[in-house]
Amino acid sequence: MGGGSAFLDAFGLRFFSVIREGHKPPDILKHRCEGFMRAGVFLGIVTNPELAQLMERVHHDVTGMTIKERMATNRGNNKDEEIDYSQYESPAYLRING
């Protein structure tokens, strides 16, 4: 991999560190990372298979699991399913005036 590897590592570490902390990465960080990777491919600095390996490695370094493993564990973690919305089934004026 060419000279952009260290820079890509830094982007990947920031990106996946946010994920490890349980937050969704900001869109701007995601788009910058994607743009930089596309530019590297366009300029011939890196290839798509090299990028895939880099992303897999950085993701594993940060989260301790592969991207596929993390996706499999997160499929069942839909937080919307844990919230009970039954209190909102009646109209608001009935809930307020009780």
N, C-alpha and C. Protein backbone atom coordinates (compact mmCIF):
# COMPACT_ATOMS: atom_id res chain seq x y z
N MET A 1 0.85 -1.17 0.00
CA MET A 1 0.00 0.00 0.00
C MET A 1 0.89 1.23 0.00
N GLY A 2 0.42 2.29 -0.62
CA GLY A 2 1.24 3.48 -0.81
C GLY A 2 1.30 4.37 0.41
N GLY A 3 1.68 5.62 0.19
CA GLY A 3 1.90 6.57 1.27
C GLY A 3 0.64 7.00 1.98
N GLY A 4 -0.53 6.75 1.40
CA GLY A 4 -1.77 7.15 2.03
C GLY A 4 -2.20 6.22 3.14
N SER A 5 -1.48 5.13 3.35
CA SER A 5 -1.88 4.13 4.33
C SER A 5 -1.96 4.69 5.74
N ALA A 6 -0.99 5.47 6.15
CA ALA A 6 -1.00 6.03 7.50
C ALA A 6 -2.18 6.96 7.69
N PHE A 7 -2.47 7.75 6.66
CA PHE A 7 -3.60 8.67 6.75
C PHE A 7 -4.91 7.91 6.81
N LEU A 8 -5.02 6.85 5.99
CA LEU A 8 -6.23 6.02 6.03
C LEU A 8 -6.37 5.33 7.38
N ASP A 9 -5.26 4.87 7.94
CA ASP A 9 -5.30 4.28 9.28
C ASP A 9 -5.87 5.26 10.29
N ALA A 10 -5.41 6.51 10.23
CA ALA A 10 -5.89 7.52 11.17
C ALA A 10 -7.38 7.77 11.00
N PHE A 11 -7.84 7.88 9.75
CA PHE A 11 -9.27 8.06 9.50
C PHE A 11 -10.05 6.86 10.03
N GLY A 12 -9.57 5.66 9.73
CA GLY A 12 -10.26 4.45 10.17
C GLY A 12 -10.33 4.34 11.68
N LEU A 13 -9.23 4.68 12.34
CA LEU A 13 -9.22 4.62 13.80
C LEU A 13 -10.22 5.60 14.39
N ARG A 14 -10.29 6.81 13.87
CA ARG A 14 -11.26 7.78 14.38
C ARG A 14 -12.68 7.28 14.13
N PHE A 15 -12.91 6.79 12.92
CA PHE A 15 -14.24 6.34 12.53
C PHE A 15 -14.71 5.19 13.42
N PHE A 16 -13.90 4.16 13.54
CA PHE A 16 -14.31 2.98 14.29
C PHE A 16 -14.24 3.19 15.80
N SER A 17 -13.43 4.15 16.26
CA SER A 17 -13.42 4.46 17.69
C SER A 17 -14.76 5.03 18.13
N VAL A 18 -15.36 5.84 17.27
CA VAL A 18 -16.68 6.39 17.56
C VAL A 18 -17.69 5.25 17.66
N ILE A 19 -17.59 4.29 16.75
CA ILE A 19 -18.49 3.12 16.77
C ILE A 19 -18.29 2.32 18.05
N ARG A 20 -17.03 2.10 18.43
CA ARG A 20 -16.74 1.31 19.63
C ARG A 20 -17.35 1.95 20.86
N GLU A 21 -17.40 3.28 20.90
CA GLU A 21 -17.98 3.98 22.05
C GLU A 21 -19.50 3.93 22.06
N GLY A 22 -20.08 3.30 21.03
CA GLY A 22 -21.52 3.13 20.99
C GLY A 22 -22.26 4.24 20.29
N HIS A 23 -21.55 5.10 19.57
CA HIS A 23 -22.18 6.22 18.88
C HIS A 23 -22.18 5.98 17.38
N LYS A 24 -23.10 6.62 16.71
CA LYS A 24 -23.10 6.60 15.25
C LYS A 24 -22.09 7.64 14.79
N PRO A 25 -21.20 7.27 13.88
CA PRO A 25 -20.22 8.27 13.41
C PRO A 25 -20.92 9.43 12.72
N PRO A 26 -20.41 10.65 12.93
CA PRO A 26 -21.01 11.80 12.24
C PRO A 26 -20.91 11.59 10.73
N ASP A 27 -21.94 12.03 10.02
CA ASP A 27 -21.96 11.87 8.57
C ASP A 27 -20.74 12.51 7.92
N ILE A 28 -20.31 13.65 8.43
CA ILE A 28 -19.18 14.34 7.82
C ILE A 28 -17.91 13.48 7.91
N LEU A 29 -17.72 12.80 9.04
CA LEU A 29 -16.55 11.93 9.18
C LEU A 29 -16.64 10.75 8.22
N LYS A 30 -17.83 10.18 8.12
CA LYS A 30 -18.04 9.06 7.20
C LYS A 30 -17.77 9.48 5.76
N HIS A 31 -18.30 10.63 5.36
CA HIS A 31 -18.13 11.09 3.98
C HIS A 31 -16.69 11.48 3.67
N ARG A 32 -16.01 12.07 4.63
CA ARG A 32 -14.59 12.40 4.41
C ARG A 32 -13.76 11.14 4.23
N CYS A 33 -14.03 10.15 5.06
CA CYS A 33 -13.30 8.89 4.97
C CYS A 33 -13.56 8.22 3.62
N GLU A 34 -14.83 8.16 3.22
CA GLU A 34 -15.17 7.56 1.93
C GLU A 34 -14.55 8.33 0.78
N GLY A 35 -14.58 9.65 0.85
CA GLY A 35 -14.00 10.47 -0.20
C GLY A 35 -12.50 10.28 -0.32
N PHE A 36 -11.85 10.20 0.81
CA PHE A 36 -10.41 10.00 0.78
C PHE A 36 -10.06 8.64 0.20
N MET A 37 -10.84 7.63 0.54
CA MET A 37 -10.58 6.30 0.00
C MET A 37 -10.82 6.27 -1.51
N ARG A 38 -11.89 6.91 -1.96
CA ARG A 38 -12.15 6.95 -3.41
C ARG A 38 -11.05 7.71 -4.15
N ALA A 39 -10.57 8.78 -3.53
CA ALA A 39 -9.48 9.54 -4.15
C ALA A 39 -8.22 8.68 -4.25
N GLY A 40 -7.94 7.90 -3.22
CA GLY A 40 -6.77 7.02 -3.25
C GLY A 40 -6.86 6.00 -4.37
N VAL A 41 -8.06 5.46 -4.59
CA VAL A 41 -8.26 4.51 -5.69
C VAL A 41 -8.11 5.22 -7.03
N PHE A 42 -8.71 6.39 -7.14
CA PHE A 42 -8.66 7.15 -8.39
C PHE A 42 -7.22 7.52 -8.76
N LEU A 43 -6.43 7.90 -7.78
CA LEU A 43 -5.04 8.30 -8.02
C LEU A 43 -4.09 7.12 -8.15
N GLY A 44 -4.60 5.92 -7.89
CA GLY A 44 -3.76 4.72 -8.01
C GLY A 44 -2.87 4.49 -6.81
N ILE A 45 -3.15 5.15 -5.71
CA ILE A 45 -2.35 4.98 -4.49
C ILE A 45 -2.68 3.67 -3.81
N VAL A 46 -3.94 3.26 -3.91
CA VAL A 46 -4.43 2.07 -3.24
C VAL A 46 -5.48 1.42 -4.13
N THR A 47 -5.69 0.11 -3.96
CA THR A 47 -6.72 -0.60 -4.71
C THR A 47 -7.90 -0.91 -3.80
N ASN A 48 -9.02 -1.23 -4.40
CA ASN A 48 -10.21 -1.57 -3.59
C ASN A 48 -9.97 -2.78 -2.68
N PRO A 49 -9.32 -3.86 -3.16
CA PRO A 49 -9.05 -4.97 -2.25
C PRO A 49 -8.15 -4.56 -1.08
N GLU A 50 -7.18 -3.69 -1.33
CA GLU A 50 -6.33 -3.22 -0.23
C GLU A 50 -7.13 -2.41 0.77
N LEU A 51 -8.07 -1.60 0.28
CA LEU A 51 -8.93 -0.83 1.18
C LEU A 51 -9.81 -1.75 2.02
N ALA A 52 -10.33 -2.78 1.40
CA ALA A 52 -11.17 -3.72 2.14
C ALA A 52 -10.38 -4.39 3.26
N GLN A 53 -9.14 -4.79 2.96
CA GLN A 53 -8.28 -5.39 3.98
C GLN A 53 -7.97 -4.39 5.10
N LEU A 54 -7.69 -3.15 4.71
CA LEU A 54 -7.38 -2.11 5.69
C LEU A 54 -8.57 -1.86 6.61
N MET A 55 -9.77 -1.73 6.02
CA MET A 55 -10.96 -1.48 6.83
C MET A 55 -11.23 -2.65 7.77
N GLU A 56 -11.06 -3.85 7.29
CA GLU A 56 -11.26 -5.03 8.13
C GLU A 56 -10.26 -5.05 9.29
N ARG A 57 -9.00 -4.75 8.98
CA ARG A 57 -7.95 -4.76 10.01
C ARG A 57 -8.19 -3.68 11.06
N VAL A 58 -8.46 -2.46 10.60
CA VAL A 58 -8.67 -1.36 11.55
C VAL A 58 -9.92 -1.63 12.38
N HIS A 59 -10.97 -2.12 11.76
CA HIS A 59 -12.20 -2.42 12.50
C HIS A 59 -11.93 -3.48 13.56
N HIS A 60 -11.17 -4.50 13.21
CA HIS A 60 -10.85 -5.55 14.18
C HIS A 60 -9.96 -5.01 15.30
N ASP A 61 -9.00 -4.15 14.96
CA ASP A 61 -8.12 -3.56 15.98
C ASP A 61 -8.91 -2.73 16.99
N VAL A 62 -9.91 -2.01 16.51
CA VAL A 62 -10.66 -1.10 17.38
C VAL A 62 -11.76 -1.82 18.15
N THR A 63 -12.53 -2.67 17.46
CA THR A 63 -13.70 -3.27 18.10
C THR A 63 -13.45 -4.68 18.63
N GLY A 64 -12.39 -5.32 18.15
CA GLY A 64 -12.11 -6.69 18.59
C GLY A 64 -12.89 -7.75 17.83
N MET A 65 -13.61 -7.35 16.78
CA MET A 65 -14.34 -8.31 15.97
C MET A 65 -14.35 -7.84 14.51
N THR A 66 -14.61 -8.78 13.62
CA THR A 66 -14.65 -8.42 12.21
C THR A 66 -15.92 -7.63 11.92
N ILE A 67 -15.98 -7.01 10.75
CA ILE A 67 -17.16 -6.24 10.37
C ILE A 67 -18.38 -7.16 10.29
N LYS A 68 -18.21 -8.35 9.72
CA LYS A 68 -19.33 -9.29 9.62
C LYS A 68 -19.81 -9.74 10.99
N GLU A 69 -18.88 -9.99 11.92
CA GLU A 69 -19.27 -10.39 13.28
C GLU A 69 -20.06 -9.28 13.96
N ARG A 70 -19.60 -8.04 13.81
CA ARG A 70 -20.28 -6.92 14.45
C ARG A 70 -21.67 -6.73 13.86
N MET A 71 -21.79 -6.87 12.55
CA MET A 71 -23.11 -6.73 11.91
C MET A 71 -24.06 -7.82 12.40
N ALA A 72 -23.54 -9.03 12.59
CA ALA A 72 -24.38 -10.14 13.06
C ALA A 72 -24.86 -9.89 14.48
N THR A 73 -24.01 -9.35 15.34
CA THR A 73 -24.41 -9.10 16.72
C THR A 73 -25.34 -7.90 16.83
N ASN A 74 -25.22 -6.94 15.91
CA ASN A 74 -26.06 -5.75 15.98
C ASN A 74 -27.42 -5.92 15.32
N ARG A 75 -27.62 -6.99 14.57
CA ARG A 75 -28.91 -7.19 13.92
C ARG A 75 -30.05 -7.26 14.93
N GLY A 76 -29.81 -7.90 16.04
CA GLY A 76 -30.86 -8.06 17.04
C GLY A 76 -30.94 -6.93 18.05
N ASN A 77 -30.09 -5.95 17.94
CA ASN A 77 -30.05 -4.87 18.93
C ASN A 77 -30.79 -3.63 18.44
N ASN A 78 -32.05 -3.79 18.10
CA ASN A 78 -32.84 -2.65 17.66
C ASN A 78 -33.44 -1.99 18.88
N LYS A 79 -32.96 -0.81 19.24
CA LYS A 79 -33.39 -0.13 20.46
C LYS A 79 -34.85 0.29 20.40
N ASP A 80 -35.40 0.49 19.19
CA ASP A 80 -36.81 0.87 19.08
C ASP A 80 -37.72 -0.22 19.60
N GLU A 81 -37.28 -1.48 19.52
CA GLU A 81 -38.11 -2.58 19.98
C GLU A 81 -38.20 -2.61 21.51
N GLU A 82 -37.26 -2.00 22.21
CA GLU A 82 -37.24 -2.01 23.67
C GLU A 82 -38.15 -0.95 24.28
N ILE A 83 -38.55 0.05 23.52
CA ILE A 83 -39.34 1.16 24.03
C ILE A 83 -40.82 0.81 23.97
N ASP A 84 -41.51 1.03 25.07
CA ASP A 84 -42.94 0.77 25.14
C ASP A 84 -43.70 2.06 24.81
N TYR A 85 -44.33 2.09 23.65
CA TYR A 85 -45.07 3.27 23.21
C TYR A 85 -46.55 3.19 23.53
N SER A 86 -46.98 2.22 24.30
CA SER A 86 -48.41 2.02 24.55
C SER A 86 -49.06 3.23 25.22
N GLN A 87 -48.32 3.99 26.01
CA GLN A 87 -48.90 5.16 26.68
C GLN A 87 -49.33 6.24 25.68
N TYR A 88 -48.81 6.19 24.47
CA TYR A 88 -49.14 7.18 23.45
C TYR A 88 -50.25 6.74 22.52
N GLU A 89 -50.87 5.61 22.80
CA GLU A 89 -51.93 5.10 21.93
C GLU A 89 -53.22 5.89 22.09
N SER A 90 -53.43 6.51 23.23
CA SER A 90 -54.62 7.34 23.40
C SER A 90 -54.28 8.77 22.99
N PRO A 91 -55.30 9.54 22.61
CA PRO A 91 -55.06 10.92 22.19
C PRO A 91 -54.41 11.76 23.30
N ALA A 92 -53.66 12.74 22.93
CA ALA A 92 -52.92 13.56 23.89
C ALA A 92 -53.86 14.29 24.85
N TYR A 93 -55.00 14.78 24.36
CA TYR A 93 -55.90 15.53 25.25
C TYR A 93 -56.45 14.63 26.35
N LEU A 94 -56.58 13.33 26.08
CA LEU A 94 -57.04 12.41 27.14
C LEU A 94 -55.94 12.16 28.15
N ARG A 95 -54.72 12.09 27.68
CA ARG A 95 -53.59 11.83 28.61
C ARG A 95 -53.37 13.04 29.50
N ILE A 96 -53.52 14.24 28.97
CA ILE A 96 -53.26 15.46 29.74
C ILE A 96 -54.38 15.69 30.75
N ASN A 97 -55.63 15.52 30.32
CA ASN A 97 -56.78 15.78 31.21
C ASN A 97 -57.10 14.58 32.08
N GLY A 98 -56.46 13.46 31.78
CA GLY A 98 -56.50 12.26 32.56
C GLY A 98 -57.80 11.74 32.94
